[in-house]
């Protein structure tokens, strides 16, 4: 009779067969790897830390645009104007404000001609 845990069939989503039970040699390799990791960890004043410094990766930023489509400006507006454009949905309020300003500019240009 064969061992059912090593020859058990699983559907293709899980692979064709279960992994065989680890051999004693594989277990000793795992223990050796754990010991190597433990050697790299130092204990200092009750806190455990890695011997290698942990730095946050540099934050990625957008590169320079080929053709800038918008210009960044600082603008002070009355709170009631901001509240109007934010309305019930605060997302997209700057786009709504930009659209309203663009429409005002078009209307002013039509009045001049």
N, C-alpha and C. Protein backbone atom coordinates (compact mmCIF):
# COMPACT_ATOMS: atom_id res chain seq x y z
N UNK A 1 0.85 -1.18 0.00
CA UNK A 1 0.00 0.00 0.00
C UNK A 1 0.89 1.24 0.00
N UNK A 2 0.52 2.26 -0.76
CA UNK A 2 1.33 3.47 -0.87
C UNK A 2 0.84 4.53 0.10
N UNK A 3 1.74 5.45 0.39
CA UNK A 3 1.39 6.56 1.28
C UNK A 3 0.49 7.53 0.52
N UNK A 4 -0.69 7.81 1.00
CA UNK A 4 -1.64 8.66 0.29
C UNK A 4 -1.28 10.13 0.33
N UNK A 5 -0.49 10.55 1.31
CA UNK A 5 -0.15 11.97 1.37
C UNK A 5 0.87 12.35 0.33
N UNK A 6 1.75 11.45 -0.06
CA UNK A 6 2.76 11.81 -1.06
C UNK A 6 2.27 11.58 -2.47
N UNK A 7 1.26 10.74 -2.66
CA UNK A 7 0.77 10.45 -4.00
C UNK A 7 -0.65 10.97 -4.22
N UNK A 8 -1.11 11.84 -3.37
CA UNK A 8 -2.48 12.35 -3.49
C UNK A 8 -2.59 13.25 -4.72
N UNK A 9 -3.70 13.16 -5.40
CA UNK A 9 -3.95 13.98 -6.57
C UNK A 9 -4.70 15.24 -6.17
N UNK A 10 -4.28 16.35 -6.71
CA UNK A 10 -4.98 17.61 -6.51
C UNK A 10 -5.40 18.14 -7.86
N UNK A 11 -6.46 18.92 -7.92
CA UNK A 11 -6.87 19.52 -9.19
C UNK A 11 -5.73 20.38 -9.75
N UNK A 12 -5.73 20.64 -11.07
CA UNK A 12 -4.65 21.39 -11.70
C UNK A 12 -4.38 22.75 -11.08
N UNK A 13 -5.39 23.37 -10.45
CA UNK A 13 -5.18 24.68 -9.85
C UNK A 13 -4.15 24.61 -8.72
N UNK A 14 -4.06 23.44 -8.06
CA UNK A 14 -3.12 23.29 -6.97
C UNK A 14 -1.86 22.55 -7.38
N UNK A 15 -1.74 22.16 -8.62
CA UNK A 15 -0.61 21.37 -9.07
C UNK A 15 -1.04 19.92 -9.20
N UNK A 16 -0.23 19.11 -9.82
CA UNK A 16 -0.64 17.74 -10.09
C UNK A 16 -0.51 16.85 -8.87
N UNK A 17 0.48 17.08 -8.02
CA UNK A 17 0.68 16.22 -6.86
C UNK A 17 1.15 17.06 -5.68
N UNK A 18 0.96 16.54 -4.50
CA UNK A 18 1.48 17.19 -3.31
C UNK A 18 2.99 17.05 -3.28
N UNK A 19 3.65 17.96 -2.64
CA UNK A 19 5.09 17.87 -2.50
C UNK A 19 5.43 16.70 -1.59
N UNK A 20 6.49 15.98 -1.90
CA UNK A 20 6.87 14.86 -1.04
C UNK A 20 7.32 15.36 0.32
N UNK A 21 7.23 14.48 1.30
CA UNK A 21 7.66 14.84 2.66
C UNK A 21 9.14 15.18 2.64
N UNK A 22 9.57 16.21 3.40
CA UNK A 22 10.97 16.59 3.37
C UNK A 22 11.86 15.48 3.91
N UNK A 23 12.98 15.31 3.25
CA UNK A 23 13.95 14.30 3.68
C UNK A 23 14.76 14.85 4.83
N UNK A 24 15.44 14.00 5.58
CA UNK A 24 16.28 14.51 6.66
C UNK A 24 17.35 15.47 6.17
N UNK A 25 17.88 15.25 4.96
CA UNK A 25 18.90 16.16 4.42
C UNK A 25 18.29 17.54 4.17
N UNK A 26 17.04 17.59 3.64
CA UNK A 26 16.37 18.86 3.38
C UNK A 26 16.08 19.58 4.69
N UNK A 27 15.71 18.81 5.72
CA UNK A 27 15.44 19.43 7.01
C UNK A 27 16.71 20.04 7.59
N UNK A 28 17.85 19.36 7.42
CA UNK A 28 19.09 19.93 7.96
C UNK A 28 19.50 21.18 7.19
N UNK A 29 19.20 21.23 5.87
CA UNK A 29 19.49 22.43 5.08
C UNK A 29 18.66 23.60 5.58
N UNK A 30 17.39 23.32 5.88
CA UNK A 30 16.51 24.38 6.39
C UNK A 30 17.00 24.88 7.73
N UNK A 31 17.44 23.95 8.59
CA UNK A 31 17.96 24.36 9.89
C UNK A 31 19.24 25.16 9.74
N UNK A 32 20.08 24.79 8.77
CA UNK A 32 21.31 25.54 8.51
C UNK A 32 20.98 26.95 8.03
N UNK A 33 19.96 27.07 7.16
CA UNK A 33 19.56 28.38 6.67
C UNK A 33 19.03 29.24 7.81
N UNK A 34 18.23 28.63 8.70
CA UNK A 34 17.72 29.39 9.85
C UNK A 34 18.86 29.85 10.75
N UNK A 35 19.85 29.00 10.93
CA UNK A 35 21.00 29.38 11.76
C UNK A 35 21.77 30.53 11.13
N UNK A 36 21.89 30.53 9.81
CA UNK A 36 22.60 31.62 9.13
C UNK A 36 21.84 32.93 9.30
N UNK A 37 20.52 32.87 9.22
CA UNK A 37 19.72 34.08 9.42
C UNK A 37 19.88 34.56 10.85
N UNK A 38 19.88 33.62 11.78
CA UNK A 38 20.01 33.99 13.19
C UNK A 38 21.36 34.66 13.45
N UNK A 39 22.42 34.21 12.77
CA UNK A 39 23.73 34.83 12.95
C UNK A 39 23.74 36.27 12.46
N UNK A 40 22.91 36.57 11.45
CA UNK A 40 22.86 37.92 10.89
C UNK A 40 22.04 38.87 11.74
N UNK A 41 21.35 38.33 12.72
CA UNK A 41 20.54 39.17 13.60
C UNK A 41 21.31 39.38 14.90
N UNK A 42 21.44 40.60 15.29
CA UNK A 42 22.14 40.90 16.53
C UNK A 42 21.15 41.37 17.57
N UNK A 43 21.45 41.08 18.81
CA UNK A 43 20.56 41.52 19.89
C UNK A 43 21.27 42.66 20.60
N UNK A 44 20.59 43.82 20.67
CA UNK A 44 21.20 45.01 21.23
C UNK A 44 20.23 45.65 22.21
N UNK A 45 20.52 45.56 23.49
CA UNK A 45 19.70 46.22 24.49
C UNK A 45 18.27 45.72 24.53
N UNK A 46 18.07 44.45 24.26
CA UNK A 46 16.72 43.91 24.33
C UNK A 46 15.95 44.04 23.03
N UNK A 47 16.45 44.80 22.07
CA UNK A 47 15.75 44.92 20.80
C UNK A 47 16.51 44.13 19.74
N UNK A 48 15.79 43.44 18.92
CA UNK A 48 16.42 42.64 17.87
C UNK A 48 16.37 43.46 16.59
N UNK A 49 17.49 43.52 15.91
CA UNK A 49 17.53 44.27 14.66
C UNK A 49 18.41 43.54 13.66
N UNK A 50 18.20 43.79 12.44
CA UNK A 50 18.98 43.16 11.39
C UNK A 50 20.34 43.83 11.33
N UNK A 51 21.36 43.07 10.93
CA UNK A 51 22.69 43.65 10.83
C UNK A 51 22.81 44.58 9.64
N UNK A 52 21.91 44.44 8.66
CA UNK A 52 21.92 45.33 7.51
C UNK A 52 20.97 46.49 7.76
N UNK A 53 21.35 47.71 7.35
CA UNK A 53 20.46 48.84 7.58
C UNK A 53 19.21 48.71 6.71
N UNK A 54 18.09 49.10 7.29
CA UNK A 54 16.84 49.08 6.53
C UNK A 54 16.48 50.51 6.18
N UNK A 55 16.55 50.82 4.91
CA UNK A 55 16.22 52.16 4.43
C UNK A 55 14.96 52.07 3.60
N UNK A 56 14.17 53.10 3.68
CA UNK A 56 12.99 53.16 2.84
C UNK A 56 13.44 53.39 1.41
N UNK A 57 12.80 52.73 0.46
CA UNK A 57 13.18 52.97 -0.93
C UNK A 57 12.83 54.40 -1.32
N UNK A 58 13.59 54.95 -2.24
CA UNK A 58 13.35 56.31 -2.69
C UNK A 58 11.95 56.41 -3.29
N UNK A 59 11.27 57.49 -2.99
CA UNK A 59 9.92 57.68 -3.50
C UNK A 59 10.00 58.02 -4.98
N UNK A 60 9.17 57.34 -5.74
CA UNK A 60 9.18 57.58 -7.17
C UNK A 60 8.38 58.83 -7.48
N UNK A 61 8.89 59.62 -8.38
CA UNK A 61 8.20 60.83 -8.80
C UNK A 61 7.99 60.80 -10.30
N UNK A 62 7.08 61.61 -10.74
CA UNK A 62 6.83 61.69 -12.17
C UNK A 62 7.96 62.44 -12.83
N UNK A 63 8.27 62.04 -14.02
CA UNK A 63 9.29 62.72 -14.79
C UNK A 63 8.74 63.99 -15.42
N UNK A 64 9.62 64.72 -16.08
CA UNK A 64 9.22 65.96 -16.73
C UNK A 64 8.31 65.64 -17.91
N UNK A 65 7.23 66.40 -18.04
CA UNK A 65 6.29 66.18 -19.13
C UNK A 65 6.88 66.67 -20.44
N UNK A 66 6.54 65.99 -21.52
CA UNK A 66 7.01 66.45 -22.84
C UNK A 66 6.38 67.80 -23.17
N UNK A 67 5.07 67.84 -23.04
CA UNK A 67 4.33 69.09 -23.26
C UNK A 67 3.49 69.33 -22.03
N UNK A 68 3.89 70.25 -21.18
CA UNK A 68 3.06 70.50 -19.99
C UNK A 68 1.67 70.95 -20.41
N UNK A 69 0.66 70.29 -19.87
CA UNK A 69 -0.71 70.62 -20.23
C UNK A 69 -1.35 71.57 -19.23
N UNK A 70 -0.81 71.60 -18.04
CA UNK A 70 -1.36 72.46 -17.00
C UNK A 70 -0.22 73.17 -16.29
N UNK A 71 -0.57 74.26 -15.64
CA UNK A 71 0.41 75.03 -14.89
C UNK A 71 -0.03 75.08 -13.44
N UNK A 72 0.91 74.82 -12.54
CA UNK A 72 0.60 74.85 -11.12
C UNK A 72 0.66 76.28 -10.61
N UNK A 73 -0.41 76.68 -9.93
CA UNK A 73 -0.48 78.02 -9.34
C UNK A 73 -1.02 77.90 -7.91
N UNK A 74 -0.77 78.91 -7.14
CA UNK A 74 -1.35 79.01 -5.82
C UNK A 74 -2.43 80.07 -5.88
N UNK A 75 -3.61 79.73 -5.39
CA UNK A 75 -4.75 80.61 -5.51
C UNK A 75 -5.53 80.59 -4.21
N UNK A 76 -5.86 81.75 -3.70
CA UNK A 76 -6.66 81.82 -2.47
C UNK A 76 -8.09 82.14 -2.85
N UNK A 77 -8.99 81.26 -2.41
CA UNK A 77 -10.41 81.42 -2.72
C UNK A 77 -11.21 81.50 -1.43
N UNK A 78 -12.38 82.11 -1.52
CA UNK A 78 -13.27 82.18 -0.37
C UNK A 78 -13.77 80.78 -0.02
N UNK A 79 -13.99 80.54 1.27
CA UNK A 79 -14.46 79.20 1.68
C UNK A 79 -15.78 78.79 1.04
N UNK A 80 -16.69 79.75 0.81
CA UNK A 80 -17.97 79.39 0.22
C UNK A 80 -17.82 78.96 -1.24
N UNK A 81 -16.84 79.53 -1.95
CA UNK A 81 -16.59 79.12 -3.34
C UNK A 81 -16.06 77.69 -3.38
N UNK A 82 -15.11 77.40 -2.50
CA UNK A 82 -14.56 76.04 -2.43
C UNK A 82 -15.65 75.05 -2.03
N UNK A 83 -16.48 75.43 -1.05
CA UNK A 83 -17.56 74.54 -0.60
C UNK A 83 -18.54 74.26 -1.74
N UNK A 84 -18.80 75.27 -2.58
CA UNK A 84 -19.71 75.08 -3.71
C UNK A 84 -19.16 74.05 -4.68
N UNK A 85 -17.89 74.17 -5.04
CA UNK A 85 -17.32 73.26 -6.03
C UNK A 85 -17.06 71.87 -5.44
N UNK A 86 -16.78 71.79 -4.15
CA UNK A 86 -16.62 70.47 -3.54
C UNK A 86 -17.97 69.78 -3.42
N UNK A 87 -19.00 70.53 -3.06
CA UNK A 87 -20.36 69.98 -2.97
C UNK A 87 -20.40 68.73 -2.13
N UNK A 88 -21.14 67.73 -2.60
CA UNK A 88 -21.25 66.46 -1.89
C UNK A 88 -20.06 65.54 -2.16
N UNK A 89 -19.35 65.76 -3.28
CA UNK A 89 -18.24 64.89 -3.67
C UNK A 89 -16.97 65.72 -3.74
N UNK A 90 -16.07 65.60 -2.73
CA UNK A 90 -14.85 66.41 -2.75
C UNK A 90 -13.87 66.00 -3.84
N UNK A 91 -14.04 64.80 -4.43
CA UNK A 91 -13.15 64.40 -5.51
C UNK A 91 -13.51 65.15 -6.78
N UNK A 92 -12.52 65.68 -7.45
CA UNK A 92 -12.74 66.34 -8.73
C UNK A 92 -13.16 67.79 -8.64
N UNK A 93 -13.08 68.38 -7.46
CA UNK A 93 -13.54 69.76 -7.33
C UNK A 93 -12.65 70.72 -8.11
N UNK A 94 -11.37 70.42 -8.22
CA UNK A 94 -10.48 71.31 -8.97
C UNK A 94 -10.79 71.25 -10.46
N UNK A 95 -11.16 70.07 -10.95
CA UNK A 95 -11.55 69.94 -12.35
C UNK A 95 -12.83 70.70 -12.62
N UNK A 96 -13.79 70.61 -11.70
CA UNK A 96 -15.05 71.36 -11.86
C UNK A 96 -14.78 72.86 -11.85
N UNK A 97 -13.90 73.31 -10.98
CA UNK A 97 -13.55 74.73 -10.92
C UNK A 97 -12.88 75.16 -12.22
N UNK A 98 -11.98 74.33 -12.74
CA UNK A 98 -11.29 74.64 -13.99
C UNK A 98 -12.29 74.74 -15.14
N UNK A 99 -13.26 73.84 -15.18
CA UNK A 99 -14.28 73.86 -16.23
C UNK A 99 -15.12 75.13 -16.15
N UNK A 100 -15.49 75.54 -14.94
CA UNK A 100 -16.28 76.76 -14.76
C UNK A 100 -15.48 77.99 -15.18
N UNK A 101 -14.21 78.03 -14.83
CA UNK A 101 -13.37 79.16 -15.24
C UNK A 101 -13.20 79.20 -16.75
N UNK A 102 -13.02 78.04 -17.37
CA UNK A 102 -12.88 77.99 -18.83
C UNK A 102 -14.14 78.51 -19.51
N UNK A 103 -15.32 78.11 -18.99
CA UNK A 103 -16.58 78.59 -19.55
C UNK A 103 -16.72 80.10 -19.39
N UNK A 104 -16.30 80.63 -18.25
CA UNK A 104 -16.34 82.08 -18.04
C UNK A 104 -15.45 82.81 -19.03
N UNK A 105 -14.27 82.27 -19.28
CA UNK A 105 -13.36 82.89 -20.25
C UNK A 105 -13.98 82.88 -21.64
N UNK A 106 -14.61 81.76 -22.03
CA UNK A 106 -15.27 81.70 -23.35
C UNK A 106 -16.38 82.73 -23.45
N UNK A 107 -17.18 82.86 -22.38
CA UNK A 107 -18.27 83.84 -22.38
C UNK A 107 -17.73 85.25 -22.50
N UNK A 108 -16.65 85.57 -21.79
CA UNK A 108 -16.05 86.91 -21.85
C UNK A 108 -15.50 87.18 -23.26
N UNK A 109 -14.92 86.19 -23.89
CA UNK A 109 -14.40 86.39 -25.24
C UNK A 109 -15.53 86.65 -26.23
N UNK A 110 -16.66 85.97 -26.05
CA UNK A 110 -17.82 86.19 -26.95
C UNK A 110 -18.39 87.57 -26.77
N UNK A 111 -18.38 88.07 -25.54
CA UNK A 111 -18.93 89.41 -25.28
C UNK A 111 -18.07 90.48 -25.92
N UNK A 112 -16.78 90.26 -26.01
CA UNK A 112 -15.87 91.25 -26.58
C UNK A 112 -15.99 91.32 -28.10
N UNK A 113 -16.41 90.26 -28.74
CA UNK A 113 -16.47 90.28 -30.21
C UNK A 113 -17.82 90.61 -30.73
